[in-house]
Protein backbone atom coordinates (compact mmCIF):
# COMPACT_ATOMS: atom_id res chain seq x y z
CA MET A 1 -97.97 79.16 149.41
CA PRO A 2 -101.06 81.17 148.48
CA LEU A 3 -100.93 83.87 145.84
CA HIS A 4 -98.69 86.71 146.98
CA PRO A 5 -100.89 89.56 148.31
CA GLN A 6 -99.48 91.95 145.67
CA VAL A 7 -100.32 89.45 142.94
CA GLU A 8 -103.78 88.88 144.39
CA ALA A 9 -104.46 92.64 144.35
CA LEU A 10 -103.23 92.91 140.77
CA ILE A 11 -105.40 90.00 139.59
CA ALA A 12 -108.44 91.51 141.31
CA GLN A 13 -107.78 94.85 139.63
CA MET A 14 -107.49 93.20 136.22
CA ALA A 15 -110.65 91.13 136.78
CA ALA A 16 -112.59 94.28 137.69
CA GLN A 17 -111.93 95.63 134.20
CA GLY A 18 -114.12 92.84 132.82
CA ALA A 19 -112.02 92.05 129.75
CA PRO A 20 -113.03 88.94 127.78
CA ALA A 21 -110.89 85.80 127.89
CA PRO A 22 -107.76 86.43 125.79
CA GLU A 23 -108.29 83.26 123.75
CA SER A 24 -111.62 84.72 122.60
CA MET A 25 -109.98 87.92 121.37
CA THR A 26 -108.32 88.68 118.05
CA VAL A 27 -104.58 88.82 117.52
CA ALA A 28 -104.76 92.62 117.32
CA GLN A 29 -106.71 92.81 120.58
CA ASN A 30 -104.21 90.55 122.33
CA ARG A 31 -101.32 92.68 121.11
CA ALA A 32 -103.01 95.83 122.37
CA MET A 33 -103.67 94.22 125.73
CA LEU A 34 -100.02 93.25 126.21
CA ALA A 35 -98.95 96.75 125.25
CA GLU A 36 -101.12 98.08 128.08
CA LEU A 37 -99.65 95.58 130.56
CA ALA A 38 -96.15 96.86 129.76
CA GLY A 39 -96.78 99.72 132.17
CA LEU A 40 -96.57 97.24 135.06
CA SER A 41 -92.80 97.26 134.66
CA GLY A 42 -92.74 100.70 136.29
CA GLU A 43 -90.92 103.90 135.42
CA PRO A 44 -88.26 103.08 132.80
CA GLU A 45 -84.71 103.38 134.10
CA ASP A 46 -82.27 105.68 132.36
CA VAL A 47 -79.45 103.92 130.56
CA ALA A 48 -76.30 105.41 129.04
CA ARG A 49 -77.83 105.14 125.60
CA THR A 50 -80.04 103.08 123.33
CA GLU A 51 -79.55 102.50 119.64
CA ASP A 52 -82.02 100.99 117.20
CA THR A 53 -80.39 98.90 114.51
CA THR A 54 -81.04 95.77 112.45
CA ALA A 55 -79.51 92.36 111.97
CA PRO A 56 -79.70 90.47 108.67
CA GLY A 57 -82.18 87.60 108.87
CA PRO A 58 -83.53 84.91 106.58
CA GLY A 59 -86.78 86.84 106.15
CA GLY A 60 -85.29 90.32 105.97
CA ASP A 61 -83.77 92.73 108.46
CA ILE A 62 -84.54 92.01 112.13
CA PRO A 63 -85.07 95.12 114.29
CA ILE A 64 -82.86 95.19 117.38
CA ARG A 65 -82.62 97.75 120.17
CA VAL A 66 -79.28 97.91 121.94
CA TYR A 67 -79.13 99.12 125.56
CA VAL A 68 -75.82 100.28 127.03
CA PRO A 69 -76.00 100.35 130.83
CA ALA A 70 -75.88 103.57 132.82
CA GLY A 71 -72.51 104.62 134.13
CA GLU A 72 -70.57 103.09 131.27
CA GLY A 73 -68.10 105.17 129.35
CA PRO A 74 -68.07 106.14 125.67
CA ARG A 75 -67.11 103.86 122.83
CA GLY A 76 -63.53 102.73 122.81
CA GLU A 77 -63.33 101.66 126.45
CA SER A 78 -63.45 98.04 127.60
CA ALA A 79 -66.19 96.08 125.88
CA LEU A 80 -69.04 94.88 128.07
CA PRO A 81 -70.58 91.40 128.22
CA THR A 82 -73.69 91.03 126.09
CA LEU A 83 -77.18 89.61 126.64
CA VAL A 84 -79.29 88.85 123.57
CA TYR A 85 -82.85 89.07 124.87
CA TYR A 86 -86.00 87.57 123.30
CA HIS A 87 -89.31 88.97 124.53
CA GLY A 88 -92.21 86.79 125.64
CA GLY A 89 -95.72 86.79 124.23
CA GLY A 90 -96.44 83.31 122.91
CA TRP A 91 -94.59 84.01 119.63
CA VAL A 92 -97.66 86.12 118.73
CA VAL A 93 -97.65 89.29 120.85
CA GLY A 94 -94.99 91.53 122.37
CA ASP A 95 -92.18 93.52 120.83
CA ILE A 96 -89.22 95.74 121.73
CA GLU A 97 -91.51 98.33 123.31
CA SER A 98 -93.38 95.86 125.52
CA HIS A 99 -90.08 94.78 127.10
CA ASP A 100 -88.28 98.13 127.04
CA GLY A 101 -88.52 98.68 130.80
CA LEU A 102 -87.31 95.17 131.60
CA CYS A 103 -84.35 95.39 129.21
CA ARG A 104 -83.31 98.72 130.71
CA ALA A 105 -83.35 97.22 134.19
CA LEU A 106 -81.40 94.13 133.07
CA ALA A 107 -78.77 96.28 131.36
CA ASN A 108 -78.20 98.55 134.35
CA ARG A 109 -78.20 95.83 136.99
CA SER A 110 -76.12 93.26 135.09
CA GLY A 111 -73.64 95.65 133.51
CA CYS A 112 -74.36 93.98 130.17
CA VAL A 113 -75.09 95.48 126.82
CA VAL A 114 -78.57 94.14 126.07
CA ALA A 115 -79.70 93.49 122.49
CA SER A 116 -83.50 93.17 122.41
CA VAL A 117 -84.67 91.23 119.37
CA ASP A 118 -87.90 92.03 117.49
CA TYR A 119 -88.25 88.62 115.83
CA ARG A 120 -91.08 87.89 113.40
CA LEU A 121 -94.42 87.04 114.99
CA ALA A 122 -97.13 84.53 114.20
CA PRO A 123 -99.64 84.06 112.70
CA GLU A 124 -98.23 86.28 109.96
CA HIS A 125 -94.95 84.36 110.25
CA ARG A 126 -95.39 80.87 111.67
CA PHE A 127 -92.78 78.48 113.00
CA PRO A 128 -89.85 78.38 112.36
CA ALA A 129 -89.65 82.11 111.50
CA ALA A 130 -89.13 83.20 115.12
CA VAL A 131 -86.47 80.54 115.66
CA ASP A 132 -84.63 81.51 112.48
CA ASP A 133 -84.64 85.18 113.47
CA ALA A 134 -83.55 84.39 117.03
CA TYR A 135 -80.55 82.41 115.86
CA ALA A 136 -79.63 85.02 113.24
CA ALA A 137 -79.71 87.72 115.92
CA ALA A 138 -77.31 85.75 118.12
CA VAL A 139 -74.93 85.30 115.18
CA TRP A 140 -75.15 89.04 114.49
CA ALA A 141 -74.43 89.89 118.12
CA ALA A 142 -71.34 87.68 118.19
CA GLU A 143 -70.02 89.45 115.10
CA LYS A 144 -71.26 93.02 115.41
CA ILE A 145 -72.08 93.93 119.03
CA GLY A 146 -68.56 95.32 119.36
CA ASP A 147 -69.75 98.27 117.28
CA PHE A 148 -72.03 99.17 120.21
CA GLY A 149 -69.59 98.61 123.05
CA GLY A 150 -70.42 94.94 123.67
CA ASP A 151 -68.17 91.92 123.75
CA GLY A 152 -69.27 89.25 121.30
CA THR A 153 -67.07 86.66 123.00
CA ARG A 154 -68.96 87.01 126.31
CA LEU A 155 -72.45 86.33 125.04
CA ALA A 156 -75.58 85.22 126.89
CA VAL A 157 -79.04 84.51 125.55
CA GLY A 158 -82.17 85.06 127.58
CA GLY A 159 -85.89 85.60 127.47
CA ASP A 160 -89.20 85.09 129.20
CA SER A 161 -91.88 82.54 128.28
CA ALA A 162 -91.82 82.12 124.48
CA GLY A 163 -88.67 84.24 124.51
CA ALA A 164 -87.07 81.80 126.95
CA ASN A 165 -88.12 79.02 124.58
CA LEU A 166 -86.24 80.79 121.80
CA ALA A 167 -83.20 81.35 124.03
CA ALA A 168 -83.07 77.65 124.92
CA VAL A 169 -83.44 76.70 121.26
CA VAL A 170 -80.71 79.13 120.19
CA ALA A 171 -78.35 77.65 122.79
CA GLN A 172 -79.06 74.17 121.40
CA GLN A 173 -78.64 75.33 117.82
CA ALA A 174 -75.38 77.11 118.61
CA LYS A 175 -74.07 73.83 120.00
CA SER A 176 -75.18 71.72 117.03
CA ARG A 177 -74.18 74.28 114.39
CA GLY A 178 -70.80 75.09 115.87
CA GLY A 179 -71.50 78.63 116.99
CA PRO A 180 -71.84 81.29 118.02
CA ARG A 181 -70.33 80.54 121.42
CA ILE A 182 -72.99 81.09 124.08
CA SER A 183 -71.72 81.48 127.66
CA TYR A 184 -74.99 81.58 129.60
CA GLN A 185 -78.77 81.10 129.36
CA LEU A 186 -81.35 83.16 131.28
CA LEU A 187 -84.61 81.22 131.01
CA VAL A 188 -87.59 82.83 132.74
CA TYR A 189 -90.64 80.52 132.90
CA PRO A 190 -89.59 78.85 129.65
CA ALA A 191 -91.93 76.92 127.39
CA THR A 192 -89.93 73.74 126.78
CA ASP A 193 -92.47 71.02 125.92
CA ARG A 194 -95.53 71.56 123.76
CA HIS A 195 -96.96 68.20 124.94
CA ASP A 196 -96.43 68.81 128.66
CA ASP A 197 -99.24 67.38 130.79
CA SER A 198 -97.60 67.74 134.19
CA PRO A 199 -99.44 68.66 137.43
CA SER A 200 -98.89 72.41 136.98
CA MET A 201 -100.80 72.31 133.69
CA HIS A 202 -103.83 71.00 135.60
CA GLU A 203 -103.41 72.99 138.82
CA ASN A 204 -103.27 76.24 136.83
CA VAL A 205 -105.51 75.26 133.94
CA ALA A 206 -107.50 78.50 134.34
CA GLY A 207 -104.55 80.69 135.25
CA PRO A 208 -104.40 83.16 136.86
CA LEU A 209 -103.33 85.24 133.86
CA LEU A 210 -101.93 82.48 131.63
CA SER A 211 -104.48 79.71 131.17
CA ARG A 212 -104.14 76.45 129.30
CA ALA A 213 -106.73 77.68 126.78
CA TRP A 214 -104.61 80.75 126.07
CA ILE A 215 -101.53 78.56 125.62
CA GLU A 216 -103.43 76.54 123.01
CA TRP A 217 -104.50 79.77 121.30
CA PHE A 218 -100.87 80.86 121.04
CA LEU A 219 -99.75 77.49 119.72
CA GLY A 220 -102.58 77.49 117.20
CA CYS A 221 -101.24 80.76 115.84
CA TYR A 222 -97.61 79.65 115.91
CA LEU A 223 -97.69 76.10 114.55
CA SER A 224 -98.93 74.98 111.14
CA SER A 225 -99.52 71.36 112.16
CA PRO A 226 -99.69 69.32 115.40
CA ASP A 227 -96.60 67.35 114.36
CA GLU A 228 -94.44 70.46 114.71
CA GLY A 229 -94.88 70.26 118.47
CA GLN A 230 -92.44 67.33 118.48
CA ASP A 231 -89.72 69.42 116.85
CA VAL A 232 -86.99 70.32 119.34
CA ARG A 233 -87.10 73.87 117.98
CA VAL A 234 -90.61 74.03 119.47
CA SER A 235 -90.01 71.70 122.42
CA PRO A 236 -86.33 72.01 123.42
CA GLY A 237 -87.07 69.90 126.49
CA ARG A 238 -87.52 66.93 124.14
CA ALA A 239 -83.95 67.11 122.84
CA GLU A 240 -82.17 63.82 123.48
CA ASP A 241 -78.79 65.25 124.50
CA LEU A 242 -78.45 68.42 126.58
CA SER A 243 -74.78 67.92 127.43
CA GLY A 244 -72.39 70.67 126.45
CA LEU A 245 -74.97 73.45 126.72
CA PRO A 246 -74.06 76.68 128.53
CA PRO A 247 -74.82 77.20 132.23
CA ALA A 248 -78.33 78.43 132.94
CA LEU A 249 -80.62 80.14 135.38
CA VAL A 250 -84.16 78.77 135.10
CA VAL A 251 -86.88 80.81 136.83
CA THR A 252 -90.43 79.54 137.35
CA ALA A 253 -93.61 80.88 138.98
CA GLU A 254 -95.72 78.78 141.33
CA TYR A 255 -99.08 79.67 139.75
CA ASP A 256 -98.06 79.05 136.14
CA PRO A 257 -99.04 76.19 133.84
CA LEU A 258 -95.43 76.17 132.57
CA ARG A 259 -93.93 75.73 136.05
CA ASP A 260 -93.21 72.01 135.88
CA GLN A 261 -91.74 71.98 132.39
CA GLY A 262 -89.31 74.71 133.43
CA ALA A 263 -88.34 72.72 136.52
CA ALA A 264 -87.96 69.58 134.41
CA TYR A 265 -85.68 71.37 131.94
CA ALA A 266 -83.44 72.61 134.76
CA GLY A 267 -83.31 69.06 136.09
CA ARG A 268 -82.42 67.58 132.71
CA LEU A 269 -79.67 70.16 132.24
CA ARG A 270 -78.17 69.13 135.56
CA GLU A 271 -78.45 65.44 134.70
CA ALA A 272 -76.52 66.20 131.50
CA GLY A 273 -73.72 67.81 133.50
CA VAL A 274 -74.73 71.41 132.79
CA GLU A 275 -74.52 73.90 135.65
CA ALA A 276 -78.13 74.98 136.06
CA GLU A 277 -79.56 77.08 138.88
CA TYR A 278 -83.28 76.59 139.45
CA LEU A 279 -85.16 79.50 141.05
CA PRO A 280 -88.82 78.75 141.87
CA CYS A 281 -90.79 81.85 142.87
CA PRO A 282 -93.59 81.06 145.37
CA GLY A 283 -96.86 82.95 145.08
CA MET A 284 -96.00 84.31 141.62
CA ILE A 285 -97.82 84.06 138.29
CA HIS A 286 -96.70 83.81 134.68
CA GLY A 287 -95.51 87.22 133.50
CA PHE A 288 -94.42 88.48 136.92
CA PHE A 289 -90.82 89.10 135.81
CA GLN A 290 -92.02 92.15 133.86
CA MET A 291 -94.07 93.57 136.72
CA GLY A 292 -91.38 95.30 138.75
CA GLY A 293 -93.50 98.42 139.05
CA VAL A 294 -96.04 96.60 141.25
CA LEU A 295 -94.39 93.39 142.52
CA ASP A 296 -91.47 93.36 144.95
CA THR A 297 -90.61 89.79 143.95
CA ALA A 298 -90.25 90.87 140.32
CA ARG A 299 -87.61 93.44 141.23
CA GLU A 300 -85.81 90.93 143.45
CA THR A 301 -85.83 88.31 140.70
CA VAL A 302 -84.48 90.75 138.11
CA ASP A 303 -81.71 91.59 140.59
CA HIS A 304 -81.00 87.87 141.05
CA ALA A 305 -80.86 87.31 137.29
CA ALA A 306 -78.61 90.33 136.80
CA ALA A 307 -76.20 89.10 139.48
CA ALA A 308 -76.10 85.67 137.83
CA LEU A 309 -75.26 87.28 134.50
CA ARG A 310 -72.50 89.35 136.10
CA ARG A 311 -70.89 86.26 137.63
CA ALA A 312 -71.25 84.13 134.51
CA LEU A 313 -69.88 86.72 132.11
CA ALA A 314 -67.20 88.28 134.32
């Protein structure tokens, strides 16, 4: 289908601002731009409480913000299922604040305690720093989320874009390393194959929003050498054996270079005997999941993801 009218209006509004191509901007300028786009998530929902804490990581303490959903009682009552969430941003931009509105919505609608992970970013910290932090945060959640009202035995990992890449990698690492036990994966337009050259990479080479040139800019910041793109911690879709991984919801957007690699990953999970729901979103662009303040489909997709988490972690 064509671009959704709400997306079309948003793209026109952004184009009218006349900003340069992101891949021509500095890291600092890209980070500032994403911070501005965070407002598209809409008015932040109230939750019962948030707590900022840290998890021990291989490169030092990892900042984490814990969201306890609205309507939940004080500490000491039944522990709630937990979602460890990794923000998107090409491993270069984004942070806890850029995804605050989304994490609030996911907490309230899923009934999960959400632990949002502020993993180290490139180019200051190149691969595998983000992966190492992501895995360490999942280990921490399994052991310590009970201190915040969460249940470390009912644990999901999730993220969008580069964050979904990290969630998929953490699920694979948890399997190969014998823990922690992950019960579900929420993968929103995941980056799963650095060497993907599928039709969606050509159909959406210039975007809208995420272009192939911008993808290469991100990867140039993240990776130290081209060979690292073959590593399954960069390209989890290249892992030989996906059997035994947790059930997943894989969301893709029609007008997204990453569309086909997300679809392919969902397909490979199913072929390996993993229960994987694939949710393609017609007329949508990369990044739409965070745009609930202006896109009806974003709100509907967050609701769908939250319901899937509820069922999986019940």
